Amino acid sequence: HRRNRGSLGGRPPGFDREIYRRRNTFERCFNHLKG
C-alpha cells in the first residue's frame, strides 16, 4: 500500500531484527510467568 501511494505513502518505519528477537524472548518469558 505504501509503494502504491508513492511519495504520499510516507517513510517506512525502521525495523531492527535484534531488538525484535529480544522483545519476542521477553514476551514469551512473561507469558510463561502468567501461567
All heavy atoms as atom14 arrays in JSON, in Angstrom:
{
  "sequence": "HRRNRGSLGGRPPGFDREIYRRRNTFERCFNHLKG",
  "atom14_mask": [
    [1, 1, 1, 1, 1, 1, 1, 1, 1, 1, 0, 0, 0, 0],
    [1, 1, 1, 1, 1, 1, 1, 1, 1, 1, 1, 0, 0, 0],
    [1, 1, 1, 1, 1, 1, 1, 1, 1, 1, 1, 0, 0, 0],
    [1, 1, 1, 1, 1, 1, 1, 1, 0, 0, 0, 0, 0, 0],
    [1, 1, 1, 1, 1, 1, 1, 1, 1, 1, 1, 0, 0, 0],
    [1, 1, 1, 1, 0, 0, 0, 0, 0, 0, 0, 0, 0, 0],
    [1, 1, 1, 1, 1, 1, 0, 0, 0, 0, 0, 0, 0, 0],
    [1, 1, 1, 1, 1, 1, 1, 1, 0, 0, 0, 0, 0, 0],
    [1, 1, 1, 1, 0, 0, 0, 0, 0, 0, 0, 0, 0, 0],
    [1, 1, 1, 1, 0, 0, 0, 0, 0, 0, 0, 0, 0, 0],
    [1, 1, 1, 1, 1, 1, 1, 1, 1, 1, 1, 0, 0, 0],
    [1, 1, 1, 1, 1, 1, 1, 0, 0, 0, 0, 0, 0, 0],
    [1, 1, 1, 1, 1, 1, 1, 0, 0, 0, 0, 0, 0, 0],
    [1, 1, 1, 1, 0, 0, 0, 0, 0, 0, 0, 0, 0, 0],
    [1, 1, 1, 1, 1, 1, 1, 1, 1, 1, 1, 0, 0, 0],
    [1, 1, 1, 1, 1, 1, 1, 1, 0, 0, 0, 0, 0, 0],
    [1, 1, 1, 1, 1, 1, 1, 1, 1, 1, 1, 0, 0, 0],
    [1, 1, 1, 1, 1, 1, 1, 1, 1, 0, 0, 0, 0, 0],
    [1, 1, 1, 1, 1, 1, 1, 1, 0, 0, 0, 0, 0, 0],
    [1, 1, 1, 1, 1, 1, 1, 1, 1, 1, 1, 1, 0, 0],
    [1, 1, 1, 1, 1, 1, 1, 1, 1, 1, 1, 0, 0, 0],
    [1, 1, 1, 1, 1, 1, 1, 1, 1, 1, 1, 0, 0, 0],
    [1, 1, 1, 1, 1, 1, 1, 1, 1, 1, 1, 0, 0, 0],
    [1, 1, 1, 1, 1, 1, 1, 1, 0, 0, 0, 0, 0, 0],
    [1, 1, 1, 1, 1, 1, 1, 0, 0, 0, 0, 0, 0, 0],
    [1, 1, 1, 1, 1, 1, 1, 1, 1, 1, 1, 0, 0, 0],
    [1, 1, 1, 1, 1, 1, 1, 1, 1, 0, 0, 0, 0, 0],
    [1, 1, 1, 1, 1, 1, 1, 1, 1, 1, 1, 0, 0, 0],
    [1, 1, 1, 1, 1, 1, 0, 0, 0, 0, 0, 0, 0, 0],
    [1, 1, 1, 1, 1, 1, 1, 1, 1, 1, 1, 0, 0, 0],
    [1, 1, 1, 1, 1, 1, 1, 1, 0, 0, 0, 0, 0, 0],
    [1, 1, 1, 1, 1, 1, 1, 1, 1, 1, 0, 0, 0, 0],
    [1, 1, 1, 1, 1, 1, 1, 1, 0, 0, 0, 0, 0, 0],
    [1, 1, 1, 1, 1, 1, 1, 1, 1, 0, 0, 0, 0, 0],
    [1, 1, 1, 1, 0, 0, 0, 0, 0, 0, 0, 0, 0, 0]
  ],
  "atom14_positions": [
    [[0.83, -1.2, 0.0], [0.0, 0.0, 0.0], [0.87, 1.26, 0.0], [0.58, 2.22, -0.71], [-0.93, 0.0, 1.22], [-1.84, 1.17, 1.29], [-2.86, 1.36, 0.4], [-1.87, 2.22, 2.12], [-3.49, 2.49, 0.69], [-2.91, 3.03, 1.74], [0.0, 0.0, 0.0], [0.0, 0.0, 0.0], [0.0, 0.0, 0.0], [0.0, 0.0, 0.0]],
    [[1.95, 1.24, 0.77], [2.86, 2.39, 0.82], [3.52, 2.62, -0.54], [3.63, 3.75, -1.01], [3.92, 2.16, 1.89], [4.97, 3.27, 1.91], [5.94, 3.12, 3.04], [5.33, 3.76, 4.19], [4.99, 3.16, 5.33], [5.22, 1.97, 5.51], [4.42, 3.79, 6.31], [0.0, 0.0, 0.0], [0.0, 0.0, 0.0], [0.0, 0.0, 0.0]],
    [[3.93, 1.54, -1.2], [4.52, 1.65, -2.53], [3.52, 2.22, -3.53], [3.87, 3.05, -4.36], [5.0, 0.28, -3.01], [6.47, 0.05, -2.88], [6.93, -1.16, -3.65], [6.05, -2.31, -3.51], [6.23, -3.32, -2.66], [7.27, -3.33, -1.88], [5.39, -4.31, -2.6], [0.0, 0.0, 0.0], [0.0, 0.0, 0.0], [0.0, 0.0, 0.0]],
    [[2.28, 1.76, -3.46], [1.25, 2.23, -4.39], [0.97, 3.72, -4.21], [0.61, 4.4, -5.16], [-0.05, 1.44, -4.21], [0.08, 0.01, -4.69], [1.0, -0.32, -5.43], [-0.83, -0.84, -4.26], [0.0, 0.0, 0.0], [0.0, 0.0, 0.0], [0.0, 0.0, 0.0], [0.0, 0.0, 0.0], [0.0, 0.0, 0.0], [0.0, 0.0, 0.0]],
    [[1.11, 4.24, -3.0], [0.84, 5.65, -2.76], [2.0, 6.54, -3.19], [1.86, 7.75, -3.25], [0.55, 5.88, -1.28], [-0.8, 5.25, -0.88], [-1.26, 5.71, 0.42], [-1.47, 7.16, 0.37], [-1.79, 7.88, 1.41], [-1.96, 7.32, 2.57], [-1.96, 9.18, 1.31], [0.0, 0.0, 0.0], [0.0, 0.0, 0.0], [0.0, 0.0, 0.0]],
    [[3.12, 5.95, -3.46], [4.27, 6.72, -3.94], [4.81, 7.65, -2.87], [4.98, 7.26, -1.71], [0.0, 0.0, 0.0], [0.0, 0.0, 0.0], [0.0, 0.0, 0.0], [0.0, 0.0, 0.0], [0.0, 0.0, 0.0], [0.0, 0.0, 0.0], [0.0, 0.0, 0.0], [0.0, 0.0, 0.0], [0.0, 0.0, 0.0], [0.0, 0.0, 0.0]],
    [[5.04, 8.91, -3.22], [5.63, 9.86, -2.29], [4.66, 10.2, -1.15], [5.08, 10.67, -0.1], [6.04, 11.14, -3.01], [4.9, 11.76, -3.58], [0.0, 0.0, 0.0], [0.0, 0.0, 0.0], [0.0, 0.0, 0.0], [0.0, 0.0, 0.0], [0.0, 0.0, 0.0], [0.0, 0.0, 0.0], [0.0, 0.0, 0.0], [0.0, 0.0, 0.0]],
    [[3.36, 9.96, -1.34], [2.38, 10.22, -0.28], [2.33, 9.09, 0.75], [1.68, 9.21, 1.77], [0.98, 10.42, -0.88], [0.83, 11.61, -1.82], [-0.58, 11.61, -2.4], [1.1, 12.9, -1.07], [0.0, 0.0, 0.0], [0.0, 0.0, 0.0], [0.0, 0.0, 0.0], [0.0, 0.0, 0.0], [0.0, 0.0, 0.0], [0.0, 0.0, 0.0]],
    [[3.01, 7.99, 0.44], [2.97, 6.82, 1.33], [3.76, 7.0, 2.6], [3.6, 6.24, 3.55], [0.0, 0.0, 0.0], [0.0, 0.0, 0.0], [0.0, 0.0, 0.0], [0.0, 0.0, 0.0], [0.0, 0.0, 0.0], [0.0, 0.0, 0.0], [0.0, 0.0, 0.0], [0.0, 0.0, 0.0], [0.0, 0.0, 0.0], [0.0, 0.0, 0.0]],
    [[4.62, 8.0, 2.65], [5.4, 8.24, 3.86], [6.63, 7.37, 3.94], [6.88, 6.51, 3.1], [0.0, 0.0, 0.0], [0.0, 0.0, 0.0], [0.0, 0.0, 0.0], [0.0, 0.0, 0.0], [0.0, 0.0, 0.0], [0.0, 0.0, 0.0], [0.0, 0.0, 0.0], [0.0, 0.0, 0.0], [0.0, 0.0, 0.0], [0.0, 0.0, 0.0]],
    [[7.38, 7.58, 4.98], [8.62, 6.85, 5.18], [8.31, 5.58, 5.96], [7.58, 5.59, 6.94], [9.58, 7.73, 5.98], [10.94, 7.13, 6.19], [11.9, 8.16, 6.74], [11.33, 8.91, 7.84], [11.66, 8.75, 9.12], [12.56, 7.87, 9.45], [11.11, 9.48, 10.05], [0.0, 0.0, 0.0], [0.0, 0.0, 0.0], [0.0, 0.0, 0.0]],
    [[8.85, 4.44, 5.54], [8.59, 3.19, 6.28], [9.22, 3.24, 7.66], [10.27, 3.86, 7.85], [9.23, 2.11, 5.42], [10.19, 2.81, 4.56], [9.71, 4.22, 4.4], [0.0, 0.0, 0.0], [0.0, 0.0, 0.0], [0.0, 0.0, 0.0], [0.0, 0.0, 0.0], [0.0, 0.0, 0.0], [0.0, 0.0, 0.0], [0.0, 0.0, 0.0]],
    [[8.58, 2.61, 8.64], [9.17, 2.6, 9.99], [10.45, 1.78, 10.01], [10.58, 0.8, 9.28], [8.08, 1.95, 10.85], [7.27, 1.15, 9.9], [7.34, 1.86, 8.58], [0.0, 0.0, 0.0], [0.0, 0.0, 0.0], [0.0, 0.0, 0.0], [0.0, 0.0, 0.0], [0.0, 0.0, 0.0], [0.0, 0.0, 0.0], [0.0, 0.0, 0.0]],
    [[11.38, 2.19, 10.85], [12.61, 1.43, 10.99], [12.34, 0.11, 11.69], [11.43, -0.01, 12.5], [0.0, 0.0, 0.0], [0.0, 0.0, 0.0], [0.0, 0.0, 0.0], [0.0, 0.0, 0.0], [0.0, 0.0, 0.0], [0.0, 0.0, 0.0], [0.0, 0.0, 0.0], [0.0, 0.0, 0.0], [0.0, 0.0, 0.0], [0.0, 0.0, 0.0]],
    [[13.12, -0.89, 11.38], [12.93, -2.21, 11.98], [14.3, -2.78, 12.29], [15.15, -2.9, 11.41], [12.16, -3.12, 11.03], [12.1, -4.55, 11.49], [11.38, -4.88, 12.62], [12.78, -5.53, 10.81], [11.33, -6.2, 13.05], [12.73, -6.84, 11.24], [12.01, -7.18, 12.36], [0.0, 0.0, 0.0], [0.0, 0.0, 0.0], [0.0, 0.0, 0.0]],
    [[14.51, -3.14, 13.55], [15.77, -3.75, 13.97], [15.48, -5.2, 14.37], [14.76, -5.46, 15.34], [16.35, -2.96, 15.15], [17.72, -3.47, 15.55], [18.19, -4.48, 15.0], [18.33, -2.84, 16.43], [0.0, 0.0, 0.0], [0.0, 0.0, 0.0], [0.0, 0.0, 0.0], [0.0, 0.0, 0.0], [0.0, 0.0, 0.0], [0.0, 0.0, 0.0]],
    [[16.02, -6.13, 13.62], [15.75, -7.55, 13.84], [16.21, -8.01, 15.24], [15.54, -8.81, 15.9], [16.43, -8.38, 12.75], [16.05, -9.83, 12.76], [16.61, -10.54, 11.55], [16.13, -10.0, 10.3], [14.98, -10.35, 9.72], [14.21, -11.23, 10.31], [14.62, -9.82, 8.58], [0.0, 0.0, 0.0], [0.0, 0.0, 0.0], [0.0, 0.0, 0.0]],
    [[17.34, -7.5, 15.7], [17.86, -7.91, 17.02], [16.95, -7.45, 18.15], [16.68, -8.21, 19.08], [19.28, -7.36, 17.21], [19.94, -7.84, 18.48], [20.06, -9.36, 18.58], [20.24, -10.02, 17.55], [19.96, -9.87, 19.71], [0.0, 0.0, 0.0], [0.0, 0.0, 0.0], [0.0, 0.0, 0.0], [0.0, 0.0, 0.0], [0.0, 0.0, 0.0]],
    [[16.45, -6.23, 18.07], [15.51, -5.73, 19.09], [14.24, -6.57, 19.07], [13.68, -6.9, 20.1], [15.21, -4.24, 18.87], [16.45, -3.41, 19.17], [14.04, -3.78, 19.74], [16.28, -1.93, 18.86], [0.0, 0.0, 0.0], [0.0, 0.0, 0.0], [0.0, 0.0, 0.0], [0.0, 0.0, 0.0], [0.0, 0.0, 0.0], [0.0, 0.0, 0.0]],
    [[13.78, -6.92, 17.86], [12.58, -7.75, 17.73], [12.79, -9.11, 18.38], [11.91, -9.63, 19.06], [12.21, -7.9, 16.25], [10.93, -8.66, 16.03], [9.71, -8.12, 16.41], [10.94, -9.91, 15.43], [8.54, -8.81, 16.21], [9.76, -10.61, 15.21], [8.56, -10.05, 15.6], [7.4, -10.74, 15.4], [0.0, 0.0, 0.0], [0.0, 0.0, 0.0]],
    [[13.96, -9.71, 18.2], [14.25, -11.01, 18.82], [14.24, -10.9, 20.35], [13.72, -11.77, 21.04], [15.6, -11.52, 18.35], [15.56, -12.08, 16.96], [16.89, -12.69, 16.58], [16.78, -13.24, 15.24], [17.73, -13.22, 14.35], [18.9, -12.68, 14.63], [17.55, -13.74, 13.16], [0.0, 0.0, 0.0], [0.0, 0.0, 0.0], [0.0, 0.0, 0.0]],
    [[14.85, -9.83, 20.87], [14.86, -9.65, 22.33], [13.45, -9.45, 22.86], [13.1, -9.97, 23.92], [15.73, -8.46, 22.7], [17.2, -8.75, 22.59], [18.0, -7.63, 23.2], [19.15, -7.38, 22.37], [19.66, -6.21, 22.14], [19.13, -5.14, 22.66], [20.71, -6.08, 21.37], [0.0, 0.0, 0.0], [0.0, 0.0, 0.0], [0.0, 0.0, 0.0]],
    [[12.65, -8.66, 22.14], [11.27, -8.42, 22.57], [10.48, -9.73, 22.58], [9.71, -10.0, 23.5], [10.61, -7.43, 21.62], [9.17, -7.19, 21.95], [8.55, -6.19, 21.0], [7.17, -6.01, 21.36], [6.18, -6.05, 20.52], [6.4, -6.24, 19.25], [4.95, -5.88, 20.93], [0.0, 0.0, 0.0], [0.0, 0.0, 0.0], [0.0, 0.0, 0.0]],
    [[10.68, -10.56, 21.55], [9.99, -11.83, 21.46], [10.37, -12.73, 22.64], [9.51, -13.35, 23.26], [10.35, -12.5, 20.13], [9.56, -13.75, 19.89], [8.77, -14.17, 20.71], [9.78, -14.37, 18.75], [0.0, 0.0, 0.0], [0.0, 0.0, 0.0], [0.0, 0.0, 0.0], [0.0, 0.0, 0.0], [0.0, 0.0, 0.0], [0.0, 0.0, 0.0]],
    [[11.65, -12.78, 22.97], [12.11, -13.58, 24.11], [11.47, -13.11, 25.4], [10.99, -13.91, 26.21], [13.65, -13.5, 24.23], [14.22, -13.93, 23.0], [14.16, -14.35, 25.36], [0.0, 0.0, 0.0], [0.0, 0.0, 0.0], [0.0, 0.0, 0.0], [0.0, 0.0, 0.0], [0.0, 0.0, 0.0], [0.0, 0.0, 0.0], [0.0, 0.0, 0.0]],
    [[11.44, -11.79, 25.61], [10.85, -11.23, 26.82], [9.36, -11.56, 26.89], [8.85, -11.97, 27.94], [11.06, -9.72, 26.86], [10.37, -9.06, 28.0], [10.95, -9.07, 29.25], [9.13, -8.46, 27.83], [10.31, -8.48, 30.33], [8.49, -7.87, 28.9], [9.07, -7.87, 30.15], [0.0, 0.0, 0.0], [0.0, 0.0, 0.0], [0.0, 0.0, 0.0]],
    [[8.65, -11.4, 25.79], [7.21, -11.66, 25.8], [6.9, -13.12, 26.07], [5.96, -13.45, 26.79], [6.58, -11.23, 24.47], [6.43, -9.73, 24.37], [5.69, -9.31, 23.12], [5.29, -10.19, 22.32], [5.5, -8.11, 22.94], [0.0, 0.0, 0.0], [0.0, 0.0, 0.0], [0.0, 0.0, 0.0], [0.0, 0.0, 0.0], [0.0, 0.0, 0.0]],
    [[7.69, -14.02, 25.5], [7.47, -15.45, 25.76], [7.7, -15.78, 27.23], [6.94, -16.53, 27.84], [8.4, -16.29, 24.89], [7.96, -16.33, 23.45], [9.02, -17.05, 22.61], [8.66, -17.03, 21.23], [8.25, -18.11, 20.56], [8.14, -19.25, 21.17], [7.94, -18.02, 19.29], [0.0, 0.0, 0.0], [0.0, 0.0, 0.0], [0.0, 0.0, 0.0]],
    [[8.77, -15.21, 27.8], [9.06, -15.44, 29.23], [7.92, -14.91, 30.09], [7.46, -15.57, 31.02], [10.37, -14.77, 29.6], [10.77, -14.92, 31.34], [0.0, 0.0, 0.0], [0.0, 0.0, 0.0], [0.0, 0.0, 0.0], [0.0, 0.0, 0.0], [0.0, 0.0, 0.0], [0.0, 0.0, 0.0], [0.0, 0.0, 0.0], [0.0, 0.0, 0.0]],
    [[7.45, -13.71, 29.76], [6.37, -13.11, 30.54], [5.11, -13.96, 30.45], [4.39, -14.15, 31.44], [6.1, -11.69, 30.04], [5.22, -10.9, 30.93], [5.69, -10.39, 32.12], [3.89, -10.68, 30.59], [4.87, -9.66, 32.97], [3.06, -9.96, 31.42], [3.55, -9.45, 32.61], [0.0, 0.0, 0.0], [0.0, 0.0, 0.0], [0.0, 0.0, 0.0]],
    [[4.8, -14.5, 29.28], [3.62, -15.35, 29.12], [3.77, -16.65, 29.89], [2.79, -17.18, 30.41], [3.34, -15.61, 27.64], [2.77, -14.39, 26.97], [2.1, -13.58, 27.59], [3.04, -14.25, 25.69], [0.0, 0.0, 0.0], [0.0, 0.0, 0.0], [0.0, 0.0, 0.0], [0.0, 0.0, 0.0], [0.0, 0.0, 0.0], [0.0, 0.0, 0.0]],
    [[4.98, -17.19, 29.97], [5.2, -18.38, 30.81], [4.95, -18.04, 32.28], [4.36, -18.84, 33.01], [6.62, -18.91, 30.65], [6.83, -19.68, 29.38], [6.12, -20.8, 29.04], [7.69, -19.47, 28.37], [6.52, -21.25, 27.88], [7.48, -20.45, 27.44], [0.0, 0.0, 0.0], [0.0, 0.0, 0.0], [0.0, 0.0, 0.0], [0.0, 0.0, 0.0]],
    [[5.4, -16.87, 32.7], [5.17, -16.47, 34.09], [3.68, -16.32, 34.39], [3.22, -16.62, 35.48], [5.89, -15.15, 34.4], [7.39, -15.22, 34.6], [7.96, -13.82, 34.73], [7.71, -16.05, 35.82], [0.0, 0.0, 0.0], [0.0, 0.0, 0.0], [0.0, 0.0, 0.0], [0.0, 0.0, 0.0], [0.0, 0.0, 0.0], [0.0, 0.0, 0.0]],
    [[2.92, -15.85, 33.41], [1.48, -15.68, 33.62], [0.75, -17.01, 33.77], [-0.4, -17.05, 34.17], [0.87, -14.87, 32.48], [1.26, -13.41, 32.56], [0.53, -12.47, 31.65], [-0.07, -12.98, 30.42], [-0.62, -11.96, 29.53], [0.0, 0.0, 0.0], [0.0, 0.0, 0.0], [0.0, 0.0, 0.0], [0.0, 0.0, 0.0], [0.0, 0.0, 0.0]],
    [[1.46, -18.12, 33.47], [0.88, -19.44, 33.69], [0.74, -19.75, 35.17], [-0.04, -20.64, 35.56], [0.0, 0.0, 0.0], [0.0, 0.0, 0.0], [0.0, 0.0, 0.0], [0.0, 0.0, 0.0], [0.0, 0.0, 0.0], [0.0, 0.0, 0.0], [0.0, 0.0, 0.0], [0.0, 0.0, 0.0], [0.0, 0.0, 0.0], [0.0, 0.0, 0.0]]
  ]
}
